[in-house]
Structures are given as structure tokens and as C-alpha cells.
Amino acid sequence: MNIVGICACTAGIAHTYMAREKILQAAKARGDGCFIETQGTIGPENVLTPEQIKQADVVILAVDVKVSGEERFAGKPLVRVGTATVIKDAKAVLDKVQAALDKR
């Protein structure tokens, strides 16, 4: 599964980056491709390219606030989840996403 997404928390500091790291680790363990942008207090980092988005099977928004640039994902399956959920168990989130994609 090829995953792209955005992580952003209310403070734009700790949970933003913790969520990104947890998703990246879980994706790597599953053998998935994964690119995650962050939108924190210092602005967007690791900004997704149009090619990364085009090749994605799914978009995961691990966010607690409104993020900019969602229109980039038009036509892609999109999953919205809080940062705390992916910090707690990113693998379970990715497993559920994969199961939902498999049913399509």
C-alpha cells in the first residue's frame, strides 16, 4: 500500500511529529510506501509532491486541527483520524485502512 498524509496537532509541536514518526514506523514494518507531511508551528515540512500523491493508494490525515491543501487529495480514498490514535497504535490504523481498501 502506498500512503501519503498529513499530521497536525492543536499545538503544532509534539503530537504532530510523534504521529508522523509512528505512521512511518508502522508503514515500514508492514512494507508499505509512506510519505507524511507535517503542518506544525514552523509551517509545512516534508511537503508532498504531486507525484507522491498521484501514486498513493490512500491519504491519511492524522490531524486535530484544520489543515491546508486537502484539495490536493481529490479523488483519493481519505482517512481522517486524531493524532492520539496513531500515536497509540499506528499499526492498527494501517491494518484497518488496508482491510477497507481490500473490500473495495
Protein backbone atom coordinates (compact mmCIF):
# COMPACT_ATOMS: atom_id res chain seq x y z
CA MET A 1 0.00 0.00 0.00
CA ASN A 2 1.31 3.46 -0.85
CA ILE A 3 0.36 6.01 1.79
CA VAL A 4 0.57 9.78 1.88
CA GLY A 5 -0.76 12.02 4.58
CA ILE A 6 -0.57 14.99 6.85
CA CYS A 7 -0.04 15.17 10.59
CA ALA A 8 -1.03 18.25 12.60
CA CYS A 9 -1.96 18.74 16.24
CA THR A 10 -3.51 21.67 18.08
CA ALA A 11 -0.18 22.99 19.39
CA GLY A 12 1.70 22.05 16.24
CA ILE A 13 4.64 20.66 18.15
CA ALA A 14 4.97 17.29 19.85
CA HIS A 15 1.98 15.27 18.69
CA THR A 16 2.42 16.39 15.08
CA TYR A 17 5.89 14.89 14.89
CA MET A 18 5.16 11.89 17.12
CA ALA A 19 2.21 10.92 14.91
CA ARG A 20 4.34 11.24 11.77
CA GLU A 21 7.06 9.05 13.21
CA LYS A 22 4.59 6.37 14.36
CA ILE A 23 2.92 6.19 10.94
CA LEU A 24 6.28 5.99 9.17
CA GLN A 25 7.48 3.22 11.51
CA ALA A 26 4.27 1.20 11.14
CA ALA A 27 4.30 1.56 7.36
CA LYS A 28 7.93 0.45 7.16
CA ALA A 29 7.20 -2.59 9.36
CA ARG A 30 4.31 -3.53 7.05
CA GLY A 31 6.38 -2.99 3.90
CA ASP A 32 4.24 -0.04 2.79
CA GLY A 33 5.50 3.06 1.00
CA CYS A 34 4.78 6.16 3.04
CA PHE A 35 5.28 9.92 2.82
CA ILE A 36 3.91 12.17 5.56
CA GLU A 37 3.81 15.95 5.56
CA THR A 38 3.68 17.88 8.81
CA GLN A 39 1.90 21.16 9.38
CA GLY A 40 3.28 22.43 12.68
CA THR A 41 4.19 25.71 14.31
CA ILE A 42 7.15 26.21 11.96
CA GLY A 43 5.00 25.69 8.89
CA PRO A 44 4.71 22.78 6.46
CA GLU A 45 7.60 20.33 6.33
CA ASN A 46 8.18 17.30 4.12
CA VAL A 47 5.63 18.76 1.70
CA LEU A 48 4.11 16.08 -0.51
CA THR A 49 4.88 16.22 -4.20
CA PRO A 50 2.18 15.82 -6.86
CA GLU A 51 3.88 12.57 -7.93
CA GLN A 52 3.75 11.13 -4.38
CA ILE A 53 0.06 11.99 -4.17
CA LYS A 54 -0.64 10.52 -7.62
CA GLN A 55 0.97 7.20 -6.68
CA ALA A 56 -0.81 6.96 -3.31
CA ASP A 57 -3.45 4.32 -2.67
CA VAL A 58 -4.76 6.21 0.36
CA VAL A 59 -4.43 9.51 2.20
CA ILE A 60 -4.25 9.53 5.99
CA LEU A 61 -4.93 12.79 7.78
CA ALA A 62 -3.78 12.32 11.38
CA VAL A 63 -4.96 15.73 12.48
CA ASP A 64 -6.58 17.53 15.37
CA VAL A 65 -6.97 20.84 13.51
CA LYS A 66 -7.91 22.05 10.05
CA VAL A 67 -5.03 21.65 7.62
CA SER A 68 -4.30 23.39 4.37
CA GLY A 69 -4.07 21.73 1.00
CA GLU A 70 -6.66 18.99 1.33
CA GLU A 71 -7.85 19.73 -2.21
CA ARG A 72 -4.65 18.04 -3.43
CA PHE A 73 -6.17 14.70 -2.47
CA ALA A 74 -9.37 14.93 -4.54
CA GLY A 75 -10.39 11.51 -5.82
CA LYS A 76 -8.19 9.58 -3.37
CA PRO A 77 -9.55 7.47 -0.51
CA LEU A 78 -9.10 9.60 2.60
CA VAL A 79 -8.98 8.54 6.25
CA ARG A 80 -9.19 11.16 8.98
CA VAL A 81 -8.02 10.19 12.47
CA GLY A 82 -6.73 12.04 15.52
CA THR A 83 -3.03 12.21 16.28
CA ALA A 84 -3.50 10.40 19.60
CA THR A 85 -5.00 7.40 17.80
CA VAL A 86 -1.98 6.89 15.56
CA ILE A 87 0.45 7.59 18.37
CA LYS A 88 -1.24 4.88 20.43
CA ASP A 89 -1.38 2.23 17.67
CA ALA A 90 -0.45 3.25 14.15
CA LYS A 91 -0.18 -0.35 13.00
CA ALA A 92 -3.83 -0.99 13.89
CA VAL A 93 -4.83 2.12 11.94
CA LEU A 94 -2.90 0.97 8.88
CA ASP A 95 -4.31 -2.56 9.19
CA LYS A 96 -7.86 -1.15 9.21
CA VAL A 97 -7.11 1.06 6.22
CA GLN A 98 -5.70 -1.91 4.31
CA ALA A 99 -8.75 -4.02 5.15
CA ALA A 100 -11.07 -1.27 3.92
CA LEU A 101 -9.10 -0.90 0.68
CA ASP A 102 -9.19 -4.68 0.16
CA LYS A 103 -13.02 -4.63 0.35
CA ARG A 104 -13.27 -2.09 -2.47
